[in-house]
């Protein structure tokens, strides 16, 4: 027997499936392409408005930040500098020691 391939459609005409329903085509039939898309000026205006809204929200959030006191920032910055200096010296010493050991082993 031959198997017929039948396109299955939704029993409800207003429910969209994998392709747009006829209703969408009827709504868009009378519109021109210029009416369906935004003009370049409208897009630029919307982008400008969105950017301004973003900057306003950044300013609002910036005010919610609780900043540490200047003394705490200074002390913690000093800790970072000292620890970085100590580790730099430690790595320099280890490098010198291992280089010396490798030179001794290479000469033997």
PDB file of N, CA and C in Angstrom:
ATOM      1  N   UNK A   1       0.837  -1.183   0.000  1.00  0.00           N
ATOM      2  CA  UNK A   1       0.000   0.000   0.000  1.00  0.00           C
ATOM      3  C   UNK A   1       0.880   1.243   0.000  1.00  0.00           C
ATOM      4  N   UNK A   2       0.378   2.273  -0.590  1.00  0.00           N
ATOM      5  CA  UNK A   2       1.103   3.526  -0.669  1.00  0.00           C
ATOM      6  C   UNK A   2       0.799   4.377   0.565  1.00  0.00           C
ATOM      7  N   UNK A   3       1.856   4.964   1.102  1.00  0.00           N
ATOM      8  CA  UNK A   3       1.685   5.828   2.272  1.00  0.00           C
ATOM      9  C   UNK A   3       1.590   7.255   1.766  1.00  0.00           C
ATOM     10  N   UNK A   4       0.533   7.912   2.109  1.00  0.00           N
ATOM     11  CA  UNK A   4       0.359   9.285   1.685  1.00  0.00           C
ATOM     12  C   UNK A   4       0.916  10.226   2.761  1.00  0.00           C
ATOM     13  N   UNK A   5       1.685  11.220   2.300  1.00  0.00           N
ATOM     14  CA  UNK A   5       2.186  12.227   3.217  1.00  0.00           C
ATOM     15  C   UNK A   5       1.158  13.339   3.275  1.00  0.00           C
ATOM     16  N   UNK A   6       0.626  13.565   4.440  1.00  0.00           N
ATOM     17  CA  UNK A   6      -0.421  14.554   4.616  1.00  0.00           C
ATOM     18  C   UNK A   6       0.114  15.670   5.499  1.00  0.00           C
ATOM     19  N   UNK A   7      -0.086  16.890   5.047  1.00  0.00           N
ATOM     20  CA  UNK A   7       0.313  18.022   5.878  1.00  0.00           C
ATOM     21  C   UNK A   7      -0.693  18.161   7.004  1.00  0.00           C
ATOM     22  N   UNK A   8      -0.189  18.187   8.200  1.00  0.00           N
ATOM     23  CA  UNK A   8      -1.088  18.295   9.358  1.00  0.00           C
ATOM     24  C   UNK A   8      -1.190  19.761   9.764  1.00  0.00           C
ATOM     25  N   UNK A   9      -2.401  20.218   9.907  1.00  0.00           N
ATOM     26  CA  UNK A   9      -2.631  21.601  10.310  1.00  0.00           C
ATOM     27  C   UNK A   9      -3.386  21.622  11.627  1.00  0.00           C
ATOM     28  N   UNK A  10      -3.187  22.707  12.348  1.00  0.00           N
ATOM     29  CA  UNK A  10      -3.889  22.867  13.605  1.00  0.00           C
ATOM     30  C   UNK A  10      -5.381  23.027  13.324  1.00  0.00           C
ATOM     31  N   UNK A  11      -6.223  22.418  14.141  1.00  0.00           N
ATOM     32  CA  UNK A  11      -7.666  22.571  13.925  1.00  0.00           C
ATOM     33  C   UNK A  11      -8.151  23.993  14.211  1.00  0.00           C
ATOM     34  N   UNK A  12      -7.328  24.773  14.919  1.00  0.00           N
ATOM     35  CA  UNK A  12      -7.714  26.146  15.238  1.00  0.00           C
ATOM     36  C   UNK A  12      -6.994  27.083  14.267  1.00  0.00           C
ATOM     37  N   UNK A  13      -7.698  27.834  13.443  1.00  0.00           N
ATOM     38  CA  UNK A  13      -7.046  28.667  12.439  1.00  0.00           C
ATOM     39  C   UNK A  13      -6.226  29.819  13.025  1.00  0.00           C
ATOM     40  N   UNK A  14      -6.559  30.296  14.226  1.00  0.00           N
ATOM     41  CA  UNK A  14      -5.831  31.422  14.816  1.00  0.00           C
ATOM     42  C   UNK A  14      -4.554  31.002  15.539  1.00  0.00           C
ATOM     43  N   UNK A  15      -4.320  29.711  15.720  1.00  0.00           N
ATOM     44  CA  UNK A  15      -3.137  29.233  16.422  1.00  0.00           C
ATOM     45  C   UNK A  15      -2.011  29.102  15.417  1.00  0.00           C
ATOM     46  N   UNK A  16      -0.883  29.763  15.731  1.00  0.00           N
ATOM     47  CA  UNK A  16       0.251  29.727  14.812  1.00  0.00           C
ATOM     48  C   UNK A  16       1.037  28.446  15.012  1.00  0.00           C
ATOM     49  N   UNK A  17       1.501  27.897  13.917  1.00  0.00           N
ATOM     50  CA  UNK A  17       2.337  26.715  13.962  1.00  0.00           C
ATOM     51  C   UNK A  17       3.707  27.051  13.444  1.00  0.00           C
ATOM     52  N   UNK A  18       4.247  26.197  12.589  1.00  0.00           N
ATOM     53  CA  UNK A  18       5.584  26.437  12.057  1.00  0.00           C
ATOM     54  C   UNK A  18       5.583  27.507  10.977  1.00  0.00           C
ATOM     55  N   UNK A  19       4.432  27.832  10.427  1.00  0.00           N
ATOM     56  CA  UNK A  19       4.340  28.901   9.439  1.00  0.00           C
ATOM     57  C   UNK A  19       3.277  29.893   9.895  1.00  0.00           C
ATOM     58  N   UNK A  20       3.395  31.142   9.473  1.00  0.00           N
ATOM     59  CA  UNK A  20       2.418  32.141   9.920  1.00  0.00           C
ATOM     60  C   UNK A  20       1.014  31.800   9.428  1.00  0.00           C
ATOM     61  N   UNK A  21       0.065  32.128  10.228  1.00  0.00           N
ATOM     62  CA  UNK A  21      -1.318  31.858   9.834  1.00  0.00           C
ATOM     63  C   UNK A  21      -1.775  32.875   8.800  1.00  0.00           C
ATOM     64  N   UNK A  22      -2.863  32.570   8.144  1.00  0.00           N
ATOM     65  CA  UNK A  22      -3.404  33.460   7.139  1.00  0.00           C
ATOM     66  C   UNK A  22      -3.794  34.799   7.714  1.00  0.00           C
ATOM     67  N   UNK A  23      -4.105  34.825   8.995  1.00  0.00           N
ATOM     68  CA  UNK A  23      -4.518  36.050   9.661  1.00  0.00           C
ATOM     69  C   UNK A  23      -3.381  37.092   9.629  1.00  0.00           C
ATOM     70  N   UNK A  24      -2.143  36.635   9.829  1.00  0.00           N
ATOM     71  CA  UNK A  24      -0.998  37.549   9.801  1.00  0.00           C
ATOM     72  C   UNK A  24      -0.858  38.157   8.417  1.00  0.00           C
ATOM     73  N   UNK A  25      -1.018  37.354   7.380  1.00  0.00           N
ATOM     74  CA  UNK A  25      -0.906  37.866   6.024  1.00  0.00           C
ATOM     75  C   UNK A  25      -1.998  38.891   5.739  1.00  0.00           C
ATOM     76  N   UNK A  26      -3.197  38.672   6.242  1.00  0.00           N
ATOM     77  CA  UNK A  26      -4.285  39.610   6.019  1.00  0.00           C
ATOM     78  C   UNK A  26      -3.998  40.947   6.700  1.00  0.00           C
ATOM     79  N   UNK A  27      -3.415  40.917   7.908  1.00  0.00           N
ATOM     80  CA  UNK A  27      -3.128  42.146   8.625  1.00  0.00           C
ATOM     81  C   UNK A  27      -2.038  42.955   7.943  1.00  0.00           C
ATOM     82  N   UNK A  28      -1.040  42.301   7.366  1.00  0.00           N
ATOM     83  CA  UNK A  28       0.100  42.987   6.775  1.00  0.00           C
ATOM     84  C   UNK A  28      -0.062  43.302   5.291  1.00  0.00           C
ATOM     85  N   UNK A  29      -1.132  42.843   4.678  1.00  0.00           N
ATOM     86  CA  UNK A  29      -1.287  42.975   3.239  1.00  0.00           C
ATOM     87  C   UNK A  29      -1.330  44.427   2.792  1.00  0.00           C
ATOM     88  N   UNK A  30      -1.999  45.305   3.531  1.00  0.00           N
ATOM     89  CA  UNK A  30      -2.166  46.687   3.106  1.00  0.00           C
ATOM     90  C   UNK A  30      -1.001  47.591   3.467  1.00  0.00           C
ATOM     91  N   UNK A  31      -0.065  47.131   4.253  1.00  0.00           N
ATOM     92  CA  UNK A  31       1.033  47.984   4.708  1.00  0.00           C
ATOM     93  C   UNK A  31       2.196  47.945   3.731  1.00  0.00           C
ATOM     94  N   UNK A  32       2.852  49.066   3.582  1.00  0.00           N
ATOM     95  CA  UNK A  32       4.046  49.102   2.739  1.00  0.00           C
ATOM     96  C   UNK A  32       5.258  48.768   3.588  1.00  0.00           C
ATOM     97  N   UNK A  33       6.356  48.519   2.923  1.00  0.00           N
ATOM     98  CA  UNK A  33       7.586  48.166   3.631  1.00  0.00           C
ATOM     99  C   UNK A  33       8.030  49.320   4.531  1.00  0.00           C
ATOM    100  N   UNK A  34       7.839  50.566   4.079  1.00  0.00           N
ATOM    101  CA  UNK A  34       8.240  51.729   4.871  1.00  0.00           C
ATOM    102  C   UNK A  34       7.432  51.820   6.158  1.00  0.00           C
ATOM    103  N   UNK A  35       6.148  51.433   6.110  1.00  0.00           N
ATOM    104  CA  UNK A  35       5.315  51.473   7.304  1.00  0.00           C
ATOM    105  C   UNK A  35       5.676  50.371   8.287  1.00  0.00           C
ATOM    106  N   UNK A  36       6.191  49.259   7.798  1.00  0.00           N
ATOM    107  CA  UNK A  36       6.472  48.113   8.664  1.00  0.00           C
ATOM    108  C   UNK A  36       7.797  48.252   9.404  1.00  0.00           C
ATOM    109  N   UNK A  37       8.721  49.017   8.874  1.00  0.00           N
ATOM    110  CA  UNK A  37      10.027  49.154   9.513  1.00  0.00           C
ATOM    111  C   UNK A  37      10.187  50.561  10.050  1.00  0.00           C
ATOM    112  N   UNK A  38      11.004  50.690  11.089  1.00  0.00           N
ATOM    113  CA  UNK A  38      11.256  51.998  11.674  1.00  0.00           C
ATOM    114  C   UNK A  38      12.238  52.759  10.794  1.00  0.00           C
ATOM    115  N   UNK A  39      12.085  54.064  10.791  1.00  0.00           N
ATOM    116  CA  UNK A  39      13.037  54.867  10.036  1.00  0.00           C
ATOM    117  C   UNK A  39      14.346  54.952  10.798  1.00  0.00           C
ATOM    118  N   UNK A  40      15.387  55.354  10.094  1.00  0.00           N
ATOM    119  CA  UNK A  40      16.713  55.433  10.706  1.00  0.00           C
ATOM    120  C   UNK A  40      16.725  56.444  11.853  1.00  0.00           C
ATOM    121  N   UNK A  41      16.004  57.551  11.693  1.00  0.00           N
ATOM    122  CA  UNK A  41      15.952  58.562  12.749  1.00  0.00           C
ATOM    123  C   UNK A  41      15.282  58.032  14.003  1.00  0.00           C
ATOM    124  N   UNK A  42      14.220  57.249  13.834  1.00  0.00           N
ATOM    125  CA  UNK A  42      13.537  56.674  14.990  1.00  0.00           C
ATOM    126  C   UNK A  42      14.448  55.698  15.721  1.00  0.00           C
ATOM    127  N   UNK A  43      15.199  54.894  14.980  1.00  0.00           N
ATOM    128  CA  UNK A  43      16.111  53.940  15.593  1.00  0.00           C
ATOM    129  C   UNK A  43      17.192  54.678  16.364  1.00  0.00           C
ATOM    130  N   UNK A  44      17.776  55.737  15.759  1.00  0.00           N
ATOM    131  CA  UNK A  44      18.809  56.518  16.438  1.00  0.00           C
ATOM    132  C   UNK A  44      18.263  57.194  17.685  1.00  0.00           C
ATOM    133  N   UNK A  45      17.032  57.698  17.613  1.00  0.00           N
ATOM    134  CA  UNK A  45      16.410  58.345  18.772  1.00  0.00           C
ATOM    135  C   UNK A  45      16.195  57.325  19.878  1.00  0.00           C
ATOM    136  N   UNK A  46      15.722  56.129  19.516  1.00  0.00           N
ATOM    137  CA  UNK A  46      15.508  55.093  20.529  1.00  0.00           C
ATOM    138  C   UNK A  46      16.832  54.673  21.170  1.00  0.00           C
ATOM    139  N   UNK A  47      17.885  54.569  20.372  1.00  0.00           N
ATOM    140  CA  UNK A  47      19.192  54.200  20.921  1.00  0.00           C
ATOM    141  C   UNK A  47      19.685  55.281  21.876  1.00  0.00           C
ATOM    142  N   UNK A  48      19.492  56.547  21.498  1.00  0.00           N
ATOM    143  CA  UNK A  48      19.923  57.650  22.361  1.00  0.00           C
ATOM    144  C   UNK A  48      19.146  57.630  23.669  1.00  0.00           C
ATOM    145  N   UNK A  49      17.828  57.447  23.591  1.00  0.00           N
ATOM    146  CA  UNK A  49      16.995  57.387  24.791  1.00  0.00           C
ATOM    147  C   UNK A  49      17.393  56.208  25.682  1.00  0.00           C
ATOM    148  N   UNK A  50      17.668  55.058  25.060  1.00  0.00           N
ATOM    149  CA  UNK A  50      18.089  53.884  25.826  1.00  0.00           C
ATOM    150  C   UNK A  50      19.420  54.125  26.516  1.00  0.00           C
ATOM    151  N   UNK A  51      20.355  54.792  25.826  1.00  0.00           N
ATOM    152  CA  UNK A  51      21.673  55.064  26.412  1.00  0.00           C
ATOM    153  C   UNK A  51      21.541  56.034  27.583  1.00  0.00           C
ATOM    154  N   UNK A  52      20.708  57.051  27.435  1.00  0.00           N
ATOM    155  CA  UNK A  52      20.495  58.011  28.522  1.00  0.00           C
ATOM    156  C   UNK A  52      19.854  57.321  29.720  1.00  0.00           C
ATOM    157  N   UNK A  53      18.895  56.435  29.462  1.00  0.00           N
ATOM    158  CA  UNK A  53      18.264  55.687  30.559  1.00  0.00           C
ATOM    159  C   UNK A  53      19.289  54.797  31.255  1.00  0.00           C
ATOM    160  N   UNK A  54      20.188  54.207  30.482  1.00  0.00           N
ATOM    161  CA  UNK A  54      21.236  53.368  31.064  1.00  0.00           C
ATOM    162  C   UNK A  54      22.139  54.199  31.972  1.00  0.00           C
ATOM    163  N   UNK A  55      22.562  55.377  31.491  1.00  0.00           N
ATOM    164  CA  UNK A  55      23.440  56.230  32.306  1.00  0.00           C
ATOM    165  C   UNK A  55      22.743  56.677  33.588  1.00  0.00           C
ATOM    166  N   UNK A  56      21.448  56.970  33.506  1.00  0.00           N
ATOM    167  CA  UNK A  56      20.705  57.354  34.712  1.00  0.00           C
ATOM    168  C   UNK A  56      20.648  56.205  35.711  1.00  0.00           C
ATOM    169  N   UNK A  57      20.470  54.976  35.220  1.00  0.00           N
ATOM    170  CA  UNK A  57      20.429  53.835  36.139  1.00  0.00           C
ATOM    171  C   UNK A  57      21.798  53.569  36.747  1.00  0.00           C
ATOM    172  N   UNK A  58      22.867  53.817  35.976  1.00  0.00           N
ATOM    173  CA  UNK A  58      24.225  53.664  36.520  1.00  0.00           C
ATOM    174  C   UNK A  58      24.441  54.673  37.641  1.00  0.00           C
ATOM    175  N   UNK A  59      24.028  55.918  37.409  1.00  0.00           N
ATOM    176  CA  UNK A  59      24.171  56.954  38.428  1.00  0.00           C
ATOM    177  C   UNK A  59      23.389  56.590  39.688  1.00  0.00           C
ATOM    178  N   UNK A  60      22.193  56.036  39.516  1.00  0.00           N
ATOM    179  CA  UNK A  60      21.377  55.632  40.650  1.00  0.00           C
ATOM    180  C   UNK A  60      22.055  54.508  41.443  1.00  0.00           C
ATOM    181  N   UNK A  61      22.585  53.507  40.736  1.00  0.00           N
ATOM    182  CA  UNK A  61      23.264  52.393  41.403  1.00  0.00           C
ATOM    183  C   UNK A  61      24.563  52.847  42.052  1.00  0.00           C
ATOM    184  N   UNK A  62      25.255  53.803  41.435  1.00  0.00           N
ATOM    185  CA  UNK A  62      26.518  54.315  41.968  1.00  0.00           C
ATOM    186  C   UNK A  62      26.304  54.902  43.367  1.00  0.00           C
ATOM    187  N   UNK A  63      25.152  55.531  43.564  1.00  0.00           N
ATOM    188  CA  UNK A  63      24.849  56.118  44.869  1.00  0.00           C
ATOM    189  C   UNK A  63      24.584  55.080  45.942  1.00  0.00           C
ATOM    190  N   UNK A  64      24.285  53.846  45.568  1.00  0.00           N
ATOM    191  CA  UNK A  64      23.992  52.785  46.537  1.00  0.00           C
ATOM    192  C   UNK A  64      25.258  52.102  47.066  1.00  0.00           C
ATOM    193  N   UNK A  65      26.404  52.405  46.472  1.00  0.00           N
ATOM    194  CA  UNK A  65      27.647  51.756  46.868  1.00  0.00           C
ATOM    195  C   UNK A  65      28.109  52.320  48.209  1.00  0.00           C
ATOM    196  N   UNK A  66      28.494  51.431  49.129  1.00  0.00           N
ATOM    197  CA  UNK A  66      29.061  51.903  50.395  1.00  0.00           C
ATOM    198  C   UNK A  66      30.576  51.800  50.288  1.00  0.00           C
ATOM    199  N   UNK A  67      31.220  52.953  50.173  1.00  0.00           N
ATOM    200  CA  UNK A  67      32.660  53.006  49.988  1.00  0.00           C
ATOM    201  C   UNK A  67      33.359  52.877  51.336  1.00  0.00           C
ATOM    202  N   UNK A  68      34.504  52.164  51.365  1.00  0.00           N
ATOM    203  CA  UNK A  68      35.261  52.076  52.622  1.00  0.00           C
ATOM    204  C   UNK A  68      35.941  53.413  52.928  1.00  0.00           C
ATOM    205  N   UNK A  69      36.297  53.616  54.181  1.00  0.00           N
ATOM    206  CA  UNK A  69      37.004  54.857  54.536  1.00  0.00           C
ATOM    207  C   UNK A  69      38.371  54.931  53.856  1.00  0.00           C
ATOM    208  N   UNK A  70      38.876  56.146  53.681  1.00  0.00           N
ATOM    209  CA  UNK A  70      40.157  56.347  52.994  1.00  0.00           C
ATOM    210  C   UNK A  70      41.292  55.618  53.711  1.00  0.00           C
ATOM    211  N   UNK A  71      41.259  55.629  55.046  1.00  0.00           N
ATOM    212  CA  UNK A  71      42.324  54.979  55.805  1.00  0.00           C
ATOM    213  C   UNK A  71      42.357  53.474  55.521  1.00  0.00           C
ATOM    214  N   UNK A  72      41.192  52.838  55.445  1.00  0.00           N
ATOM    215  CA  UNK A  72      41.124  51.403  55.162  1.00  0.00           C
ATOM    216  C   UNK A  72      41.667  51.108  53.764  1.00  0.00           C
ATOM    217  N   UNK A  73      41.316  51.928  52.790  1.00  0.00           N
ATOM    218  CA  UNK A  73      41.814  51.745  51.422  1.00  0.00           C
ATOM    219  C   UNK A  73      43.334  51.881  51.401  1.00  0.00           C
ATOM    220  N   UNK A  74      43.859  52.876  52.120  1.00  0.00           N
ATOM    221  CA  UNK A  74      45.307  53.086  52.161  1.00  0.00           C
ATOM    222  C   UNK A  74      46.015  51.881  52.783  1.00  0.00           C
ATOM    223  N   UNK A  75      45.516  51.402  53.920  1.00  0.00           N
ATOM    224  CA  UNK A  75      46.152  50.282  54.611  1.00  0.00           C
ATOM    225  C   UNK A  75      46.106  49.014  53.753  1.00  0.00           C
ATOM    226  N   UNK A  76      44.975  48.725  53.150  1.00  0.00           N
ATOM    227  CA  UNK A  76      44.869  47.512  52.330  1.00  0.00           C
ATOM    228  C   UNK A  76      45.724  47.611  51.069  1.00  0.00           C
ATOM    229  N   UNK A  77      45.842  48.799  50.503  1.00  0.00           N
ATOM    230  CA  UNK A  77      46.724  48.991  49.352  1.00  0.00           C
ATOM    231  C   UNK A  77      48.171  48.763  49.760  1.00  0.00           C
ATOM    232  N   UNK A  78      48.544  49.248  50.933  1.00  0.00           N
ATOM    233  CA  UNK A  78      49.894  49.038  51.452  1.00  0.00           C
ATOM    234  C   UNK A  78      50.172  47.549  51.653  1.00  0.00           C
ATOM    235  N   UNK A  79      49.179  46.797  52.183  1.00  0.00           N
ATOM    236  CA  UNK A  79      49.335  45.347  52.351  1.00  0.00           C
ATOM    237  C   UNK A  79      49.609  44.671  51.006  1.00  0.00           C
ATOM    238  N   UNK A  80      48.868  45.049  50.003  1.00  0.00           N
ATOM    239  CA  UNK A  80      49.040  44.443  48.679  1.00  0.00           C
ATOM    240  C   UNK A  80      50.435  44.724  48.138  1.00  0.00           C
ATOM    241  N   UNK A  81      50.914  45.952  48.301  1.00  0.00           N
ATOM    242  CA  UNK A  81      52.247  46.302  47.810  1.00  0.00           C
ATOM    243  C   UNK A  81      53.322  45.520  48.550  1.00  0.00           C
ATOM    244  N   UNK A  82      53.205  45.410  49.880  1.00  0.00           N
ATOM    245  CA  UNK A  82      54.198  44.678  50.680  1.00  0.00           C
ATOM    246  C   UNK A  82      54.202  43.199  50.319  1.00  0.00           C
ATOM    247  N   UNK A  83      53.036  42.580  50.223  1.00  0.00           N
ATOM    248  CA  UNK A  83      52.962  41.148  49.885  1.00  0.00           C
ATOM    249  C   UNK A  83      53.520  40.906  48.488  1.00  0.00           C
ATOM    250  N   UNK A  84      53.212  41.771  47.548  1.00  0.00           N
ATOM    251  CA  UNK A  84      53.752  41.629  46.191  1.00  0.00           C
ATOM    252  C   UNK A  84      55.272  41.740  46.205  1.00  0.00           C
ATOM    253  N   UNK A  85      55.814  42.676  46.970  1.00  0.00           N
ATOM    254  CA  UNK A  85      57.257  42.841  47.069  1.00  0.00           C
ATOM    255  C   UNK A  85      57.903  41.598  47.690  1.00  0.00           C
ATOM    256  N   UNK A  86      57.316  41.062  48.768  1.00  0.00           N
ATOM    257  CA  UNK A  86      57.865  39.879  49.442  1.00  0.00           C
ATOM    258  C   UNK A  86      57.864  38.678  48.496  1.00  0.00           C
ATOM    259  N   UNK A  87      56.786  38.454  47.789  1.00  0.00           N
ATOM    260  CA  UNK A  87      56.735  37.321  46.856  1.00  0.00           C
ATOM    261  C   UNK A  87      57.715  37.510  45.699  1.00  0.00           C
ATOM    262  N   UNK A  88      57.897  38.745  45.246  1.00  0.00           N
ATOM    263  CA  UNK A  88      58.866  39.008  44.185  1.00  0.00           C
ATOM    264  C   UNK A  88      60.276  38.661  44.642  1.00  0.00           C
ATOM    265  N   UNK A  89      60.637  39.063  45.843  1.00  0.00           N
ATOM    266  CA  UNK A  89      61.958  38.750  46.391  1.00  0.00           C
ATOM    267  C   UNK A  89      62.106  37.235  46.575  1.00  0.00           C
ATOM    268  N   UNK A  90      61.046  36.562  47.060  1.00  0.00           N
ATOM    269  CA  UNK A  90      61.109  35.111  47.258  1.00  0.00           C
ATOM    270  C   UNK A  90      61.327  34.388  45.929  1.00  0.00           C
ATOM    271  N   UNK A  91      60.631  34.791  44.909  1.00  0.00           N
ATOM    272  CA  UNK A  91      60.791  34.146  43.595  1.00  0.00           C
ATOM    273  C   UNK A  91      62.183  34.436  43.029  1.00  0.00           C
ATOM    274  N   UNK A  92      62.683  35.650  43.222  1.00  0.00           N
ATOM    275  CA  UNK A  92      64.037  35.987  42.766  1.00  0.00           C
ATOM    276  C   UNK A  92      65.083  35.111  43.461  1.00  0.00           C
ATOM    277  N   UNK A  93      64.930  34.931  44.783  1.00  0.00           N
ATOM    278  CA  UNK A  93      65.866  34.080  45.528  1.00  0.00           C
ATOM    279  C   UNK A  93      65.793  32.624  45.065  1.00  0.00           C
ATOM    280  N   UNK A  94      64.558  32.106  44.899  1.00  0.00           N
ATOM    281  CA  UNK A  94      64.417  30.716  44.444  1.00  0.00           C
ATOM    282  C   UNK A  94      65.007  30.544  43.052  1.00  0.00           C
ATOM    283  N   UNK A  95      64.800  31.511  42.179  1.00  0.00           N
ATOM    284  CA  UNK A  95      65.353  31.438  40.828  1.00  0.00           C
ATOM    285  C   UNK A  95      66.880  31.422  40.873  1.00  0.00           C
ATOM    286  N   UNK A  96      67.444  32.267  41.709  1.00  0.00           N
ATOM    287  CA  UNK A  96      68.910  32.304  41.825  1.00  0.00           C
ATOM    288  C   UNK A  96      69.445  30.986  42.382  1.00  0.00           C
ATOM    289  N   UNK A  97      68.787  30.450  43.401  1.00  0.00           N
ATOM    290  CA  UNK A  97      69.230  29.186  44.013  1.00  0.00           C
ATOM    291  C   UNK A  97      69.154  28.047  42.990  1.00  0.00           C
ATOM    292  N   UNK A  98      68.013  27.918  42.316  1.00  0.00           N
ATOM    293  CA  UNK A  98      67.863  26.814  41.350  1.00  0.00           C
ATOM    294  C   UNK A  98      68.794  26.982  40.154  1.00  0.00           C
ATOM    295  N   UNK A  99      69.037  28.224  39.727  1.00  0.00           N
ATOM    296  CA  UNK A  99      69.988  28.446  38.630  1.00  0.00           C
ATOM    297  C   UNK A  99      71.386  28.011  39.058  1.00  0.00           C
ATOM    298  N   UNK A 100      71.779  28.351  40.300  1.00  0.00           N
ATOM    299  CA  UNK A 100      73.082  27.930  40.809  1.00  0.00           C
ATOM    300  C   UNK A 100      73.207  26.423  40.892  1.00  0.00           C
ATOM    301  N   UNK A 101      72.154  25.752  41.364  1.00  0.00           N
ATOM    302  CA  UNK A 101      72.177  24.284  41.454  1.00  0.00           C
ATOM    303  C   UNK A 101      72.301  23.660  40.075  1.00  0.00           C
ATOM    304  N   UNK A 102      71.539  24.166  39.107  1.00  0.00           N
ATOM    305  CA  UNK A 102      71.609  23.613  37.744  1.00  0.00           C
ATOM    306  C   UNK A 102      72.980  23.850  37.100  1.00  0.00           C
ATOM    307  N   UNK A 103      73.612  24.988  37.379  1.00  0.00           N
ATOM    308  CA  UNK A 103      74.962  25.250  36.845  1.00  0.00           C
ATOM    309  C   UNK A 103      75.966  24.280  37.453  1.00  0.00           C
ATOM    310  N   UNK A 104      75.838  23.990  38.766  1.00  0.00           N
ATOM    311  CA  UNK A 104      76.731  23.031  39.402  1.00  0.00           C
ATOM    312  C   UNK A 104      76.544  21.637  38.824  1.00  0.00           C
ATOM    313  N   UNK A 105      75.274  21.246  38.592  1.00  0.00           N
ATOM    314  CA  UNK A 105      75.012  19.918  38.046  1.00  0.00           C
ATOM    315  C   UNK A 105      75.507  19.802  36.605  1.00  0.00           C
ATOM    316  N   UNK A 106      75.427  20.883  35.867  1.00  0.00           N
ATOM    317  CA  UNK A 106      75.833  20.870  34.463  1.00  0.00           C
ATOM    318  C   UNK A 106      77.354  20.791  34.336  1.00  0.00           C
ATOM    319  N   UNK A 107      78.070  21.404  35.255  1.00  0.00           N
ATOM    320  CA  UNK A 107      79.522  21.393  35.213  1.00  0.00           C
ATOM    321  C   UNK A 107      80.095  20.024  35.608  1.00  0.00           C
ATOM    322  N   UNK A 108      79.370  19.266  36.403  1.00  0.00           N
ATOM    323  CA  UNK A 108      79.894  17.972  36.890  1.00  0.00           C
ATOM    324  C   UNK A 108      79.988  16.958  35.808  1.00  0.00           C
TER     325      UNK A 108
END
